């Protein structure tokens, strides 16, 4: 638990230090964009939309899976189980182990990405 309040700014580009097991980052993505499928072993992702519209596909990584860092996995293939359309006011919690890929088809999309350690 933090011993004081921590301010996160949507103007920042780096994960903010602060509370152990938690970090935040505001990201802006311009279309066209299709992220490489990824999954995390030790952290949940929480997306909170700031502006724009995006699609998030979730499922299971497939094919050649690379561990790019401890507990961070990427692949060029994913078995898609669900598709989520995200717009202002929406949030999406992606639990550890769930593959996910972000797609922005038009305009500019902005979101907070909160990384929350698995307990």
C-alpha atoms as a PDB file:
ATOM      1  CA  UNK A   1       0.000   0.000   0.000  1.00  0.00           C
ATOM      2  CA  UNK A   2       1.276   3.475  -0.864  1.00  0.00           C
ATOM      3  CA  UNK A   3       1.827   5.949   1.938  1.00  0.00           C
ATOM      4  CA  UNK A   4       0.711   8.934  -0.156  1.00  0.00           C
ATOM      5  CA  UNK A   5      -1.406   9.707  -3.205  1.00  0.00           C
ATOM      6  CA  UNK A   6       0.196   9.169  -6.607  1.00  0.00           C
ATOM      7  CA  UNK A   7      -0.838  11.276  -9.597  1.00  0.00           C
ATOM      8  CA  UNK A   8      -0.754   9.704 -13.058  1.00  0.00           C
ATOM      9  CA  UNK A   9      -0.855  12.004 -16.067  1.00  0.00           C
ATOM     10  CA  UNK A  10      -2.317  11.158 -19.466  1.00  0.00           C
ATOM     11  CA  UNK A  11       0.484  13.329 -20.866  1.00  0.00           C
ATOM     12  CA  UNK A  12       3.138  10.942 -19.559  1.00  0.00           C
ATOM     13  CA  UNK A  13       4.645   8.268 -21.756  1.00  0.00           C
ATOM     14  CA  UNK A  14       6.471   6.110 -19.211  1.00  0.00           C
ATOM     15  CA  UNK A  15       5.078   3.653 -16.728  1.00  0.00           C
ATOM     16  CA  UNK A  16       4.726   5.590 -13.513  1.00  0.00           C
ATOM     17  CA  UNK A  17       6.604   4.343 -10.473  1.00  0.00           C
ATOM     18  CA  UNK A  18       4.758   4.184  -7.202  1.00  0.00           C
ATOM     19  CA  UNK A  19       2.860   1.293  -5.714  1.00  0.00           C
ATOM     20  CA  UNK A  20       4.585  -2.082  -5.757  1.00  0.00           C
ATOM     21  CA  UNK A  21       2.773  -4.462  -8.108  1.00  0.00           C
ATOM     22  CA  UNK A  22       1.011  -1.704 -10.059  1.00  0.00           C
ATOM     23  CA  UNK A  23       1.948   0.623 -12.896  1.00  0.00           C
ATOM     24  CA  UNK A  24       0.141   2.892 -15.331  1.00  0.00           C
ATOM     25  CA  UNK A  25       0.775   4.295 -18.772  1.00  0.00           C
ATOM     26  CA  UNK A  26      -1.294   6.466 -21.092  1.00  0.00           C
ATOM     27  CA  UNK A  27      -0.854   5.503 -24.755  1.00  0.00           C
ATOM     28  CA  UNK A  28      -2.015   7.086 -28.003  1.00  0.00           C
ATOM     29  CA  UNK A  29      -2.229   4.968 -31.148  1.00  0.00           C
ATOM     30  CA  UNK A  30      -2.849   6.237 -34.664  1.00  0.00           C
ATOM     31  CA  UNK A  31      -4.568   4.117 -37.320  1.00  0.00           C
ATOM     32  CA  UNK A  32      -3.888   1.876 -39.030  1.00  0.00           C
ATOM     33  CA  UNK A  33      -2.501  -0.259 -36.202  1.00  0.00           C
ATOM     34  CA  UNK A  34      -2.649  -3.972 -35.487  1.00  0.00           C
ATOM     35  CA  UNK A  35      -0.683  -5.084 -32.433  1.00  0.00           C
ATOM     36  CA  UNK A  36       1.152  -8.370 -32.284  1.00  0.00           C
ATOM     37  CA  UNK A  37      -0.695 -10.871 -30.033  1.00  0.00           C
ATOM     38  CA  UNK A  38       0.725 -10.998 -26.513  1.00  0.00           C
ATOM     39  CA  UNK A  39       0.082 -12.557 -23.102  1.00  0.00           C
ATOM     40  CA  UNK A  40       1.471 -11.971 -19.626  1.00  0.00           C
ATOM     41  CA  UNK A  41       2.261 -14.585 -17.000  1.00  0.00           C
ATOM     42  CA  UNK A  42       2.557 -12.312 -13.966  1.00  0.00           C
ATOM     43  CA  UNK A  43       0.351  -9.278 -14.679  1.00  0.00           C
ATOM     44  CA  UNK A  44      -3.249  -8.473 -15.516  1.00  0.00           C
ATOM     45  CA  UNK A  45      -3.853  -5.628 -18.003  1.00  0.00           C
ATOM     46  CA  UNK A  46      -6.637  -3.130 -17.405  1.00  0.00           C
ATOM     47  CA  UNK A  47      -7.447  -0.903 -20.388  1.00  0.00           C
ATOM     48  CA  UNK A  48      -9.425   2.301 -19.752  1.00  0.00           C
ATOM     49  CA  UNK A  49     -10.409   4.272 -22.853  1.00  0.00           C
ATOM     50  CA  UNK A  50      -9.541   7.987 -22.984  1.00  0.00           C
ATOM     51  CA  UNK A  51     -10.734   8.639 -26.568  1.00  0.00           C
ATOM     52  CA  UNK A  52     -11.380   6.995 -29.927  1.00  0.00           C
ATOM     53  CA  UNK A  53     -12.408   3.449 -30.813  1.00  0.00           C
ATOM     54  CA  UNK A  54     -10.407   0.226 -30.917  1.00  0.00           C
ATOM     55  CA  UNK A  55     -10.980  -3.498 -31.213  1.00  0.00           C
ATOM     56  CA  UNK A  56      -9.333  -5.920 -28.810  1.00  0.00           C
ATOM     57  CA  UNK A  57      -9.187  -9.571 -29.745  1.00  0.00           C
ATOM     58  CA  UNK A  58      -8.657 -12.029 -26.881  1.00  0.00           C
ATOM     59  CA  UNK A  59      -7.861 -15.721 -26.896  1.00  0.00           C
ATOM     60  CA  UNK A  60      -4.931 -18.127 -26.807  1.00  0.00           C
ATOM     61  CA  UNK A  61      -1.500 -17.517 -28.328  1.00  0.00           C
ATOM     62  CA  UNK A  62      -0.683 -20.065 -31.016  1.00  0.00           C
ATOM     63  CA  UNK A  63       2.206 -21.004 -33.298  1.00  0.00           C
ATOM     64  CA  UNK A  64       5.721 -19.856 -32.445  1.00  0.00           C
ATOM     65  CA  UNK A  65       5.555 -18.113 -29.077  1.00  0.00           C
ATOM     66  CA  UNK A  66       8.526 -15.988 -27.988  1.00  0.00           C
ATOM     67  CA  UNK A  67       9.223 -15.038 -24.361  1.00  0.00           C
ATOM     68  CA  UNK A  68      10.537 -11.521 -24.958  1.00  0.00           C
ATOM     69  CA  UNK A  69      11.158 -10.911 -21.249  1.00  0.00           C
ATOM     70  CA  UNK A  70      10.325 -12.695 -17.988  1.00  0.00           C
ATOM     71  CA  UNK A  71       6.636 -13.606 -18.252  1.00  0.00           C
ATOM     72  CA  UNK A  72       6.018 -11.533 -21.424  1.00  0.00           C
ATOM     73  CA  UNK A  73       5.027 -13.584 -24.479  1.00  0.00           C
ATOM     74  CA  UNK A  74       4.458 -12.630 -28.139  1.00  0.00           C
ATOM     75  CA  UNK A  75       3.305 -14.574 -31.178  1.00  0.00           C
ATOM     76  CA  UNK A  76       2.211 -13.845 -34.726  1.00  0.00           C
ATOM     77  CA  UNK A  77      -0.815 -16.118 -34.264  1.00  0.00           C
ATOM     78  CA  UNK A  78      -3.710 -16.287 -31.831  1.00  0.00           C
ATOM     79  CA  UNK A  79      -6.833 -18.417 -31.599  1.00  0.00           C
ATOM     80  CA  UNK A  80      -9.423 -15.656 -31.183  1.00  0.00           C
ATOM     81  CA  UNK A  81     -12.163 -16.444 -28.687  1.00  0.00           C
ATOM     82  CA  UNK A  82     -13.695 -12.964 -28.272  1.00  0.00           C
ATOM     83  CA  UNK A  83     -13.659  -9.516 -29.865  1.00  0.00           C
ATOM     84  CA  UNK A  84     -14.336  -6.384 -27.846  1.00  0.00           C
ATOM     85  CA  UNK A  85     -15.069  -2.912 -29.242  1.00  0.00           C
ATOM     86  CA  UNK A  86     -13.753  -0.246 -26.864  1.00  0.00           C
ATOM     87  CA  UNK A  87     -14.928   3.386 -26.804  1.00  0.00           C
ATOM     88  CA  UNK A  88     -14.885   6.293 -24.360  1.00  0.00           C
ATOM     89  CA  UNK A  89     -16.240   5.134 -21.006  1.00  0.00           C
ATOM     90  CA  UNK A  90     -15.242   1.501 -21.540  1.00  0.00           C
ATOM     91  CA  UNK A  91     -12.670  -0.561 -19.696  1.00  0.00           C
ATOM     92  CA  UNK A  92     -11.427  -4.093 -20.292  1.00  0.00           C
ATOM     93  CA  UNK A  93      -9.670  -6.344 -17.774  1.00  0.00           C
ATOM     94  CA  UNK A  94      -7.401  -8.919 -19.423  1.00  0.00           C
ATOM     95  CA  UNK A  95      -6.372 -11.574 -16.871  1.00  0.00           C
ATOM     96  CA  UNK A  96      -2.921 -13.139 -16.803  1.00  0.00           C
ATOM     97  CA  UNK A  97      -2.454 -15.794 -19.455  1.00  0.00           C
ATOM     98  CA  UNK A  98      -5.103 -14.435 -21.829  1.00  0.00           C
ATOM     99  CA  UNK A  99      -3.750 -13.582 -25.267  1.00  0.00           C
ATOM    100  CA  UNK A 100      -4.729 -10.174 -26.604  1.00  0.00           C
ATOM    101  CA  UNK A 101      -4.188  -7.924 -29.584  1.00  0.00           C
ATOM    102  CA  UNK A 102      -5.247  -4.282 -30.068  1.00  0.00           C
ATOM    103  CA  UNK A 103      -6.468  -3.012 -33.463  1.00  0.00           C
ATOM    104  CA  UNK A 104      -7.149   0.609 -34.412  1.00  0.00           C
ATOM    105  CA  UNK A 105      -8.782   0.865 -37.826  1.00  0.00           C
ATOM    106  CA  UNK A 106      -9.358   4.627 -38.082  1.00  0.00           C
ATOM    107  CA  UNK A 107      -8.499   7.849 -36.316  1.00  0.00           C
ATOM    108  CA  UNK A 108      -6.559   8.083 -33.091  1.00  0.00           C
ATOM    109  CA  UNK A 109      -7.183   5.947 -30.026  1.00  0.00           C
ATOM    110  CA  UNK A 110      -5.982   6.729 -26.491  1.00  0.00           C
ATOM    111  CA  UNK A 111      -6.140   4.561 -23.390  1.00  0.00           C
ATOM    112  CA  UNK A 112      -4.693   4.016 -19.975  1.00  0.00           C
ATOM    113  CA  UNK A 113      -2.928   0.692 -19.545  1.00  0.00           C
ATOM    114  CA  UNK A 114      -2.768  -0.390 -15.906  1.00  0.00           C
ATOM    115  CA  UNK A 115      -0.513  -3.352 -15.092  1.00  0.00           C
ATOM    116  CA  UNK A 116      -1.577  -5.155 -11.925  1.00  0.00           C
ATOM    117  CA  UNK A 117       0.573  -7.955 -10.503  1.00  0.00           C
ATOM    118  CA  UNK A 118      -1.045 -11.352 -10.134  1.00  0.00           C
ATOM    119  CA  UNK A 119      -1.254 -12.333  -6.497  1.00  0.00           C
END
